[in-house]
């Protein structure tokens, strides 16, 4: 009698979440606590409704601004680069605080077992809304006045194959030609510089998707935001405090042994990522990355 191992087919987004450790015993336990508690579940449904609105309106970020000086607080959205408020998402401040407490419980990779308004925190929250698998990249800042603010970047995990071309992103023919000359040199670096929401990440993803299949490509991001076909992608999650740089140092050694042609780094933002950038470029591998600055000259500071 023959016996066969069971095979279960799951969505790519679920595999990505499992690989990053977003789904584990602790996160599943937290979700069970939410779904079995009617009060917590209602707050989570309110949170899901806010996220669904952001997804429908193609918002890049959702901002929960707690106003401890007033009875009501406002949820804001970044839509087409503009910071806008929606009247129906103005709510009682205690209600917003409860929504954030429950949302934090559903997250993973956070620095803290509960949402603490007194410190900066980060985590990832995965949920399905509008028939899409969404990851929210949580970043909270502690402010004395009027109160803390939580910004959640919306990342669509199932957007593989939907990367816009440079032409779709409104680059001119001579600009596209400049990009292609740099990419075909197979050395050096392309650094996209700009302010928040200027399209750096999508431009870099578009460039990586244009690379030929015979070049081996790998990305390191915190976390992976855009799934790029034909590319190896790794999330490197670091704490807000006490970063030693060991994560990128170890990854750099792996790169050297893996015969990579092209390496993507999500963002240069501190000495650790800067040292990784220099190390990889000096070994002759093509490098693609972004950094926040108002101009190309500003990126050198």
C-alpha atoms as a PDB file:
ATOM      1  CA  UNK A   1       0.000   0.000   0.000  1.00  0.00           C
ATOM      2  CA  UNK A   2       1.408   3.353  -1.074  1.00  0.00           C
ATOM      3  CA  UNK A   3       1.348   6.425   1.150  1.00  0.00           C
ATOM      4  CA  UNK A   4       1.875   9.953  -0.072  1.00  0.00           C
ATOM      5  CA  UNK A   5       2.753  13.099   1.815  1.00  0.00           C
ATOM      6  CA  UNK A   6       0.020  15.699   1.910  1.00  0.00           C
ATOM      7  CA  UNK A   7       0.529  18.797  -0.192  1.00  0.00           C
ATOM      8  CA  UNK A   8      -1.138  22.081   0.646  1.00  0.00           C
ATOM      9  CA  UNK A   9      -1.161  24.979  -1.809  1.00  0.00           C
ATOM     10  CA  UNK A  10      -1.070  28.382  -0.107  1.00  0.00           C
ATOM     11  CA  UNK A  11      -0.873  31.938  -1.469  1.00  0.00           C
ATOM     12  CA  UNK A  12       2.545  33.524  -2.057  1.00  0.00           C
ATOM     13  CA  UNK A  13       1.745  36.213   0.507  1.00  0.00           C
ATOM     14  CA  UNK A  14       1.204  33.585   3.213  1.00  0.00           C
ATOM     15  CA  UNK A  15       4.530  31.933   2.411  1.00  0.00           C
ATOM     16  CA  UNK A  16       6.208  35.332   2.606  1.00  0.00           C
ATOM     17  CA  UNK A  17       4.619  36.015   5.985  1.00  0.00           C
ATOM     18  CA  UNK A  18       5.692  32.593   7.275  1.00  0.00           C
ATOM     19  CA  UNK A  19       9.223  33.093   6.005  1.00  0.00           C
ATOM     20  CA  UNK A  20       9.511  36.462   7.728  1.00  0.00           C
ATOM     21  CA  UNK A  21       8.160  35.047  10.983  1.00  0.00           C
ATOM     22  CA  UNK A  22       5.023  37.204  10.880  1.00  0.00           C
ATOM     23  CA  UNK A  23       2.959  34.095  11.674  1.00  0.00           C
ATOM     24  CA  UNK A  24       4.078  32.162  14.728  1.00  0.00           C
ATOM     25  CA  UNK A  25       2.703  30.709  17.939  1.00  0.00           C
ATOM     26  CA  UNK A  26       2.605  34.093  19.665  1.00  0.00           C
ATOM     27  CA  UNK A  27       0.893  35.972  16.823  1.00  0.00           C
ATOM     28  CA  UNK A  28      -1.674  33.217  16.324  1.00  0.00           C
ATOM     29  CA  UNK A  29      -2.376  33.228  20.050  1.00  0.00           C
ATOM     30  CA  UNK A  30      -2.908  36.993  20.004  1.00  0.00           C
ATOM     31  CA  UNK A  31      -5.319  36.710  17.073  1.00  0.00           C
ATOM     32  CA  UNK A  32      -7.315  34.052  18.934  1.00  0.00           C
ATOM     33  CA  UNK A  33      -7.576  36.406  21.927  1.00  0.00           C
ATOM     34  CA  UNK A  34      -8.921  39.103  19.622  1.00  0.00           C
ATOM     35  CA  UNK A  35     -11.472  36.968  17.789  1.00  0.00           C
ATOM     36  CA  UNK A  36     -12.849  35.346  20.952  1.00  0.00           C
ATOM     37  CA  UNK A  37     -13.244  38.646  22.812  1.00  0.00           C
ATOM     38  CA  UNK A  38     -16.272  40.518  21.414  1.00  0.00           C
ATOM     39  CA  UNK A  39     -15.029  43.929  22.553  1.00  0.00           C
ATOM     40  CA  UNK A  40     -11.544  43.447  21.135  1.00  0.00           C
ATOM     41  CA  UNK A  41     -12.989  41.973  17.963  1.00  0.00           C
ATOM     42  CA  UNK A  42     -15.161  45.056  17.405  1.00  0.00           C
ATOM     43  CA  UNK A  43     -12.107  47.314  17.719  1.00  0.00           C
ATOM     44  CA  UNK A  44     -10.219  45.116  15.266  1.00  0.00           C
ATOM     45  CA  UNK A  45     -13.108  45.316  12.802  1.00  0.00           C
ATOM     46  CA  UNK A  46     -13.000  49.105  13.089  1.00  0.00           C
ATOM     47  CA  UNK A  47      -9.263  48.966  12.408  1.00  0.00           C
ATOM     48  CA  UNK A  48      -9.833  46.718   9.369  1.00  0.00           C
ATOM     49  CA  UNK A  49     -12.434  49.170   8.041  1.00  0.00           C
ATOM     50  CA  UNK A  50      -9.933  52.034   8.239  1.00  0.00           C
ATOM     51  CA  UNK A  51      -7.298  49.968   6.425  1.00  0.00           C
ATOM     52  CA  UNK A  52      -9.829  48.911   3.773  1.00  0.00           C
ATOM     53  CA  UNK A  53     -10.649  52.575   3.099  1.00  0.00           C
ATOM     54  CA  UNK A  54      -6.943  53.308   2.681  1.00  0.00           C
ATOM     55  CA  UNK A  55      -6.539  50.426   0.246  1.00  0.00           C
ATOM     56  CA  UNK A  56      -9.581  51.476  -1.811  1.00  0.00           C
ATOM     57  CA  UNK A  57      -8.293  55.048  -2.039  1.00  0.00           C
ATOM     58  CA  UNK A  58      -4.779  53.829  -2.927  1.00  0.00           C
ATOM     59  CA  UNK A  59      -3.288  55.530   0.132  1.00  0.00           C
ATOM     60  CA  UNK A  60       0.380  54.910   0.813  1.00  0.00           C
ATOM     61  CA  UNK A  61       0.139  55.513   4.587  1.00  0.00           C
ATOM     62  CA  UNK A  62      -2.411  55.677   7.385  1.00  0.00           C
ATOM     63  CA  UNK A  63      -1.740  58.011  10.336  1.00  0.00           C
ATOM     64  CA  UNK A  64      -3.398  57.517  13.720  1.00  0.00           C
ATOM     65  CA  UNK A  65      -2.828  60.829  15.539  1.00  0.00           C
ATOM     66  CA  UNK A  66      -3.725  60.534  19.196  1.00  0.00           C
ATOM     67  CA  UNK A  67      -4.685  63.873  20.720  1.00  0.00           C
ATOM     68  CA  UNK A  68      -4.493  63.537  24.484  1.00  0.00           C
ATOM     69  CA  UNK A  69      -5.337  67.244  24.816  1.00  0.00           C
ATOM     70  CA  UNK A  70      -8.828  66.764  23.334  1.00  0.00           C
ATOM     71  CA  UNK A  71     -11.736  64.331  23.478  1.00  0.00           C
ATOM     72  CA  UNK A  72     -11.426  63.434  19.793  1.00  0.00           C
ATOM     73  CA  UNK A  73      -8.550  62.298  17.579  1.00  0.00           C
ATOM     74  CA  UNK A  74      -8.206  62.121  13.811  1.00  0.00           C
ATOM     75  CA  UNK A  75      -7.073  59.401  11.401  1.00  0.00           C
ATOM     76  CA  UNK A  76      -5.199  60.867   8.423  1.00  0.00           C
ATOM     77  CA  UNK A  77      -4.283  59.299   5.074  1.00  0.00           C
ATOM     78  CA  UNK A  78      -1.483  59.999   2.606  1.00  0.00           C
ATOM     79  CA  UNK A  79      -3.191  59.921  -0.809  1.00  0.00           C
ATOM     80  CA  UNK A  80      -1.332  61.002  -3.945  1.00  0.00           C
ATOM     81  CA  UNK A  81       1.337  62.493  -1.710  1.00  0.00           C
ATOM     82  CA  UNK A  82      -1.140  64.652   0.205  1.00  0.00           C
ATOM     83  CA  UNK A  83      -1.882  64.427   3.925  1.00  0.00           C
ATOM     84  CA  UNK A  84      -5.684  64.382   4.134  1.00  0.00           C
ATOM     85  CA  UNK A  85      -8.319  63.875   6.815  1.00  0.00           C
ATOM     86  CA  UNK A  86     -11.611  62.010   6.434  1.00  0.00           C
ATOM     87  CA  UNK A  87     -14.382  63.280   8.699  1.00  0.00           C
ATOM     88  CA  UNK A  88     -15.909  59.847   9.382  1.00  0.00           C
ATOM     89  CA  UNK A  89     -12.601  58.687  10.846  1.00  0.00           C
ATOM     90  CA  UNK A  90     -12.581  61.363  13.540  1.00  0.00           C
ATOM     91  CA  UNK A  91     -13.230  59.423  16.731  1.00  0.00           C
ATOM     92  CA  UNK A  92     -13.092  59.562  20.497  1.00  0.00           C
ATOM     93  CA  UNK A  93      -9.491  59.522  21.684  1.00  0.00           C
ATOM     94  CA  UNK A  94     -10.013  56.512  24.029  1.00  0.00           C
ATOM     95  CA  UNK A  95     -11.541  54.608  21.091  1.00  0.00           C
ATOM     96  CA  UNK A  96      -8.493  55.262  18.876  1.00  0.00           C
ATOM     97  CA  UNK A  97      -6.215  54.162  21.698  1.00  0.00           C
ATOM     98  CA  UNK A  98      -8.169  50.896  22.060  1.00  0.00           C
ATOM     99  CA  UNK A  99      -8.028  50.313  18.289  1.00  0.00           C
ATOM    100  CA  UNK A 100      -4.248  50.738  18.341  1.00  0.00           C
ATOM    101  CA  UNK A 101      -3.888  48.455  21.371  1.00  0.00           C
ATOM    102  CA  UNK A 102      -5.781  45.687  19.582  1.00  0.00           C
ATOM    103  CA  UNK A 103      -3.962  46.270  16.278  1.00  0.00           C
ATOM    104  CA  UNK A 104      -0.613  45.965  18.087  1.00  0.00           C
ATOM    105  CA  UNK A 105      -1.714  42.614  19.536  1.00  0.00           C
ATOM    106  CA  UNK A 106      -2.289  41.340  15.990  1.00  0.00           C
ATOM    107  CA  UNK A 107       1.203  42.397  14.937  1.00  0.00           C
ATOM    108  CA  UNK A 108       4.531  40.592  14.892  1.00  0.00           C
ATOM    109  CA  UNK A 109       8.168  41.574  15.238  1.00  0.00           C
ATOM    110  CA  UNK A 110       7.370  44.398  17.637  1.00  0.00           C
ATOM    111  CA  UNK A 111       9.581  45.862  20.348  1.00  0.00           C
ATOM    112  CA  UNK A 112       7.248  45.373  23.283  1.00  0.00           C
ATOM    113  CA  UNK A 113       4.395  43.127  24.342  1.00  0.00           C
ATOM    114  CA  UNK A 114       1.883  46.006  24.229  1.00  0.00           C
ATOM    115  CA  UNK A 115       1.421  49.366  22.533  1.00  0.00           C
ATOM    116  CA  UNK A 116       3.343  51.868  24.665  1.00  0.00           C
ATOM    117  CA  UNK A 117       2.593  55.535  23.909  1.00  0.00           C
ATOM    118  CA  UNK A 118       5.737  56.648  25.757  1.00  0.00           C
ATOM    119  CA  UNK A 119       8.289  55.093  23.394  1.00  0.00           C
ATOM    120  CA  UNK A 120       8.948  54.659  19.674  1.00  0.00           C
ATOM    121  CA  UNK A 121       7.814  51.246  18.435  1.00  0.00           C
ATOM    122  CA  UNK A 122       7.684  49.278  15.222  1.00  0.00           C
ATOM    123  CA  UNK A 123       6.044  46.042  14.112  1.00  0.00           C
ATOM    124  CA  UNK A 124       4.253  44.438  11.170  1.00  0.00           C
ATOM    125  CA  UNK A 125       0.535  43.706  10.964  1.00  0.00           C
ATOM    126  CA  UNK A 126      -0.780  41.301   8.322  1.00  0.00           C
ATOM    127  CA  UNK A 127      -4.427  41.152   7.329  1.00  0.00           C
ATOM    128  CA  UNK A 128      -6.656  40.524   4.335  1.00  0.00           C
ATOM    129  CA  UNK A 129      -8.796  43.437   3.146  1.00  0.00           C
ATOM    130  CA  UNK A 130     -10.534  44.156  -0.145  1.00  0.00           C
ATOM    131  CA  UNK A 131      -9.536  40.665  -1.354  1.00  0.00           C
ATOM    132  CA  UNK A 132      -5.874  41.585  -0.971  1.00  0.00           C
ATOM    133  CA  UNK A 133      -3.150  40.450   1.408  1.00  0.00           C
ATOM    134  CA  UNK A 134      -1.849  43.548   3.167  1.00  0.00           C
ATOM    135  CA  UNK A 135       1.126  44.136   5.418  1.00  0.00           C
ATOM    136  CA  UNK A 136       1.151  47.293   7.513  1.00  0.00           C
ATOM    137  CA  UNK A 137       4.566  48.555   8.552  1.00  0.00           C
ATOM    138  CA  UNK A 138       3.945  50.189  11.927  1.00  0.00           C
ATOM    139  CA  UNK A 139       6.116  53.090  13.108  1.00  0.00           C
ATOM    140  CA  UNK A 140       5.051  55.105  16.144  1.00  0.00           C
ATOM    141  CA  UNK A 141       6.596  58.293  17.481  1.00  0.00           C
ATOM    142  CA  UNK A 142       6.105  59.497  21.035  1.00  0.00           C
ATOM    143  CA  UNK A 143       5.118  63.169  21.269  1.00  0.00           C
ATOM    144  CA  UNK A 144       4.272  65.168  24.367  1.00  0.00           C
ATOM    145  CA  UNK A 145       1.887  67.457  22.487  1.00  0.00           C
ATOM    146  CA  UNK A 146      -0.750  66.749  21.383  1.00  0.00           C
ATOM    147  CA  UNK A 147       0.098  63.045  21.702  1.00  0.00           C
ATOM    148  CA  UNK A 148       1.776  60.076  19.978  1.00  0.00           C
ATOM    149  CA  UNK A 149       1.325  59.355  16.278  1.00  0.00           C
ATOM    150  CA  UNK A 150       1.313  55.945  14.611  1.00  0.00           C
ATOM    151  CA  UNK A 151       2.083  55.770  10.883  1.00  0.00           C
ATOM    152  CA  UNK A 152       1.313  52.559   9.004  1.00  0.00           C
ATOM    153  CA  UNK A 153       2.751  52.076   5.519  1.00  0.00           C
ATOM    154  CA  UNK A 154       0.424  49.962   3.346  1.00  0.00           C
ATOM    155  CA  UNK A 155       2.297  47.180   1.545  1.00  0.00           C
ATOM    156  CA  UNK A 156       0.357  44.982  -0.882  1.00  0.00           C
ATOM    157  CA  UNK A 157       1.941  41.542  -0.659  1.00  0.00           C
ATOM    158  CA  UNK A 158       0.201  40.051  -3.699  1.00  0.00           C
ATOM    159  CA  UNK A 159       1.283  42.641  -6.263  1.00  0.00           C
ATOM    160  CA  UNK A 160       3.804  40.378  -7.983  1.00  0.00           C
ATOM    161  CA  UNK A 161       3.864  41.040 -11.723  1.00  0.00           C
ATOM    162  CA  UNK A 162       2.226  44.480 -11.342  1.00  0.00           C
ATOM    163  CA  UNK A 163       5.378  46.565 -11.169  1.00  0.00           C
ATOM    164  CA  UNK A 164       4.979  49.706 -13.290  1.00  0.00           C
ATOM    165  CA  UNK A 165       7.500  50.355 -16.051  1.00  0.00           C
ATOM    166  CA  UNK A 166       9.695  53.445 -16.123  1.00  0.00           C
ATOM    167  CA  UNK A 167       7.463  54.749 -18.882  1.00  0.00           C
ATOM    168  CA  UNK A 168       4.377  54.169 -16.696  1.00  0.00           C
ATOM    169  CA  UNK A 169       6.122  56.180 -13.980  1.00  0.00           C
ATOM    170  CA  UNK A 170       6.382  59.115 -16.461  1.00  0.00           C
ATOM    171  CA  UNK A 171      10.141  58.969 -17.050  1.00  0.00           C
ATOM    172  CA  UNK A 172      11.138  60.548 -20.352  1.00  0.00           C
ATOM    173  CA  UNK A 173      12.882  58.527 -23.117  1.00  0.00           C
ATOM    174  CA  UNK A 174      16.278  60.144 -22.481  1.00  0.00           C
ATOM    175  CA  UNK A 175      15.948  59.412 -18.748  1.00  0.00           C
ATOM    176  CA  UNK A 176      15.106  55.763 -19.461  1.00  0.00           C
ATOM    177  CA  UNK A 177      18.150  55.572 -21.765  1.00  0.00           C
ATOM    178  CA  UNK A 178      20.363  56.979 -18.977  1.00  0.00           C
ATOM    179  CA  UNK A 179      19.074  54.330 -16.559  1.00  0.00           C
ATOM    180  CA  UNK A 180      19.707  51.547 -19.075  1.00  0.00           C
ATOM    181  CA  UNK A 181      23.281  52.703 -19.762  1.00  0.00           C
ATOM    182  CA  UNK A 182      24.004  52.635 -16.031  1.00  0.00           C
ATOM    183  CA  UNK A 183      22.396  49.204 -15.613  1.00  0.00           C
ATOM    184  CA  UNK A 184      24.280  47.706 -18.564  1.00  0.00           C
ATOM    185  CA  UNK A 185      27.640  48.768 -17.131  1.00  0.00           C
ATOM    186  CA  UNK A 186      27.270  45.928 -14.571  1.00  0.00           C
ATOM    187  CA  UNK A 187      29.149  47.803 -11.851  1.00  0.00           C
ATOM    188  CA  UNK A 188      28.758  50.832  -9.614  1.00  0.00           C
ATOM    189  CA  UNK A 189      25.528  51.986  -8.021  1.00  0.00           C
ATOM    190  CA  UNK A 190      22.207  53.628  -8.775  1.00  0.00           C
ATOM    191  CA  UNK A 191      20.857  55.607  -5.810  1.00  0.00           C
ATOM    192  CA  UNK A 192      17.348  57.030  -6.008  1.00  0.00           C
ATOM    193  CA  UNK A 193      17.148  60.202  -3.922  1.00  0.00           C
ATOM    194  CA  UNK A 194      13.959  61.961  -2.915  1.00  0.00           C
ATOM    195  CA  UNK A 195      11.542  62.917  -0.193  1.00  0.00           C
ATOM    196  CA  UNK A 196       8.899  60.626   1.304  1.00  0.00           C
ATOM    197  CA  UNK A 197       6.340  59.490  -1.272  1.00  0.00           C
ATOM    198  CA  UNK A 198       8.318  60.641  -4.307  1.00  0.00           C
ATOM    199  CA  UNK A 199       8.357  57.182  -5.948  1.00  0.00           C
ATOM    200  CA  UNK A 200      11.866  55.985  -5.085  1.00  0.00           C
ATOM    201  CA  UNK A 201      10.899  52.407  -4.206  1.00  0.00           C
ATOM    202  CA  UNK A 202       8.756  51.862  -7.306  1.00  0.00           C
ATOM    203  CA  UNK A 203      11.489  53.267  -9.552  1.00  0.00           C
ATOM    204  CA  UNK A 204      14.084  50.932  -8.060  1.00  0.00           C
ATOM    205  CA  UNK A 205      11.673  47.976  -8.357  1.00  0.00           C
ATOM    206  CA  UNK A 206      11.019  48.900 -11.988  1.00  0.00           C
ATOM    207  CA  UNK A 207      14.769  48.973 -12.669  1.00  0.00           C
ATOM    208  CA  UNK A 208      15.296  45.569 -11.048  1.00  0.00           C
ATOM    209  CA  UNK A 209      12.445  44.071 -13.075  1.00  0.00           C
ATOM    210  CA  UNK A 210      14.136  45.265 -16.313  1.00  0.00           C
ATOM    211  CA  UNK A 211      17.329  43.343 -15.592  1.00  0.00           C
ATOM    212  CA  UNK A 212      17.819  40.277 -17.821  1.00  0.00           C
ATOM    213  CA  UNK A 213      17.129  36.803 -16.459  1.00  0.00           C
ATOM    214  CA  UNK A 214      20.779  35.723 -16.833  1.00  0.00           C
ATOM    215  CA  UNK A 215      21.817  38.092 -14.005  1.00  0.00           C
ATOM    216  CA  UNK A 216      21.460  36.864 -10.440  1.00  0.00           C
ATOM    217  CA  UNK A 217      19.619  39.415  -8.291  1.00  0.00           C
ATOM    218  CA  UNK A 218      19.044  39.685  -4.543  1.00  0.00           C
ATOM    219  CA  UNK A 219      17.411  42.285  -2.305  1.00  0.00           C
ATOM    220  CA  UNK A 220      17.705  43.170   1.379  1.00  0.00           C
ATOM    221  CA  UNK A 221      14.879  45.294   2.771  1.00  0.00           C
ATOM    222  CA  UNK A 222      13.346  46.182   6.131  1.00  0.00           C
ATOM    223  CA  UNK A 223      10.923  44.630   5.289  1.00  0.00           C
ATOM    224  CA  UNK A 224      10.282  43.393   1.717  1.00  0.00           C
ATOM    225  CA  UNK A 225       7.636  45.708   0.246  1.00  0.00           C
ATOM    226  CA  UNK A 226       7.391  44.985  -3.491  1.00  0.00           C
ATOM    227  CA  UNK A 227       7.702  41.420  -4.774  1.00  0.00           C
ATOM    228  CA  UNK A 228       9.937  41.446  -7.869  1.00  0.00           C
ATOM    229  CA  UNK A 229       9.733  38.417 -10.207  1.00  0.00           C
ATOM    230  CA  UNK A 230      12.982  36.513 -10.691  1.00  0.00           C
ATOM    231  CA  UNK A 231      14.657  38.085  -7.673  1.00  0.00           C
ATOM    232  CA  UNK A 232      15.726  36.663  -4.307  1.00  0.00           C
ATOM    233  CA  UNK A 233      14.386  38.912  -1.552  1.00  0.00           C
ATOM    234  CA  UNK A 234      15.217  38.933   2.140  1.00  0.00           C
ATOM    235  CA  UNK A 235      13.749  40.926   5.018  1.00  0.00           C
ATOM    236  CA  UNK A 236      16.299  42.167   7.539  1.00  0.00           C
ATOM    237  CA  UNK A 237      14.469  43.310  10.659  1.00  0.00           C
ATOM    238  CA  UNK A 238      16.353  45.388  13.184  1.00  0.00           C
ATOM    239  CA  UNK A 239      15.488  46.905  16.535  1.00  0.00           C
ATOM    240  CA  UNK A 240      14.950  50.651  16.817  1.00  0.00           C
ATOM    241  CA  UNK A 241      17.636  50.814  19.487  1.00  0.00           C
ATOM    242  CA  UNK A 242      20.908  49.008  19.926  1.00  0.00           C
ATOM    243  CA  UNK A 243      21.594  48.303  16.247  1.00  0.00           C
ATOM    244  CA  UNK A 244      25.041  46.719  16.035  1.00  0.00           C
ATOM    245  CA  UNK A 245      25.210  46.352  12.255  1.00  0.00           C
ATOM    246  CA  UNK A 246      25.823  42.616  12.559  1.00  0.00           C
ATOM    247  CA  UNK A 247      22.789  41.768  10.412  1.00  0.00           C
ATOM    248  CA  UNK A 248      24.186  43.587   7.373  1.00  0.00           C
ATOM    249  CA  UNK A 249      27.732  42.495   8.094  1.00  0.00           C
ATOM    250  CA  UNK A 250      26.630  38.845   7.975  1.00  0.00           C
ATOM    251  CA  UNK A 251      24.526  39.435   4.870  1.00  0.00           C
ATOM    252  CA  UNK A 252      27.482  41.103   3.150  1.00  0.00           C
ATOM    253  CA  UNK A 253      29.588  37.977   3.695  1.00  0.00           C
ATOM    254  CA  UNK A 254      26.802  35.858   2.227  1.00  0.00           C
ATOM    255  CA  UNK A 255      26.597  38.119  -0.835  1.00  0.00           C
ATOM    256  CA  UNK A 256      30.308  37.610  -1.502  1.00  0.00           C
ATOM    257  CA  UNK A 257      29.854  33.833  -1.560  1.00  0.00           C
ATOM    258  CA  UNK A 258      26.684  33.842  -3.667  1.00  0.00           C
ATOM    259  CA  UNK A 259      27.948  35.144  -7.026  1.00  0.00           C
ATOM    260  CA  UNK A 260      25.417  37.982  -7.178  1.00  0.00           C
ATOM    261  CA  UNK A 261      25.319  40.289 -10.176  1.00  0.00           C
ATOM    262  CA  UNK A 262      22.902  42.851  -8.748  1.00  0.00           C
ATOM    263  CA  UNK A 263      22.029  43.751  -5.150  1.00  0.00           C
ATOM    264  CA  UNK A 264      19.095  45.847  -3.954  1.00  0.00           C
ATOM    265  CA  UNK A 265      19.137  47.576  -0.577  1.00  0.00           C
ATOM    266  CA  UNK A 266      15.798  49.085   0.406  1.00  0.00           C
ATOM    267  CA  UNK A 267      17.309  52.230   1.930  1.00  0.00           C
ATOM    268  CA  UNK A 268      20.581  53.731   3.148  1.00  0.00           C
ATOM    269  CA  UNK A 269      19.629  55.304   6.458  1.00  0.00           C
ATOM    270  CA  UNK A 270      22.440  54.783   8.979  1.00  0.00           C
ATOM    271  CA  UNK A 271      26.126  53.760   9.327  1.00  0.00           C
ATOM    272  CA  UNK A 272      25.277  50.030   9.094  1.00  0.00           C
ATOM    273  CA  UNK A 273      23.520  50.280   5.743  1.00  0.00           C
ATOM    274  CA  UNK A 274      26.115  52.792   4.522  1.00  0.00           C
ATOM    275  CA  UNK A 275      28.958  50.388   5.320  1.00  0.00           C
ATOM    276  CA  UNK A 276      27.088  47.562   3.582  1.00  0.00           C
ATOM    277  CA  UNK A 277      26.662  49.760   0.497  1.00  0.00           C
ATOM    278  CA  UNK A 278      30.396  50.571   0.331  1.00  0.00           C
ATOM    279  CA  UNK A 279      31.420  46.953   0.896  1.00  0.00           C
ATOM    280  CA  UNK A 280      29.245  45.558  -1.908  1.00  0.00           C
ATOM    281  CA  UNK A 281      30.065  48.295  -4.428  1.00  0.00           C
ATOM    282  CA  UNK A 282      33.813  47.896  -3.868  1.00  0.00           C
ATOM    283  CA  UNK A 283      33.614  44.196  -4.704  1.00  0.00           C
ATOM    284  CA  UNK A 284      32.301  45.080  -8.177  1.00  0.00           C
ATOM    285  CA  UNK A 285      28.638  44.142  -7.791  1.00  0.00           C
ATOM    286  CA  UNK A 286      25.946  46.422  -9.221  1.00  0.00           C
ATOM    287  CA  UNK A 287      24.038  48.105  -6.417  1.00  0.00           C
ATOM    288  CA  UNK A 288      20.577  49.675  -6.320  1.00  0.00           C
ATOM    289  CA  UNK A 289      19.203  51.601  -3.357  1.00  0.00           C
ATOM    290  CA  UNK A 290      17.302  54.651  -2.110  1.00  0.00           C
ATOM    291  CA  UNK A 291      17.884  57.361   0.448  1.00  0.00           C
ATOM    292  CA  UNK A 292      15.831  60.227   1.860  1.00  0.00           C
ATOM    293  CA  UNK A 293      17.131  63.635   0.834  1.00  0.00           C
ATOM    294  CA  UNK A 294      15.720  66.689  -0.964  1.00  0.00           C
ATOM    295  CA  UNK A 295      18.352  66.535  -3.733  1.00  0.00           C
ATOM    296  CA  UNK A 296      21.193  64.428  -5.140  1.00  0.00           C
ATOM    297  CA  UNK A 297      23.734  66.710  -3.435  1.00  0.00           C
ATOM    298  CA  UNK A 298      21.862  66.305  -0.164  1.00  0.00           C
ATOM    299  CA  UNK A 299      22.431  62.526  -0.323  1.00  0.00           C
ATOM    300  CA  UNK A 300      26.186  63.063   0.109  1.00  0.00           C
ATOM    301  CA  UNK A 301      25.842  64.661   3.524  1.00  0.00           C
END
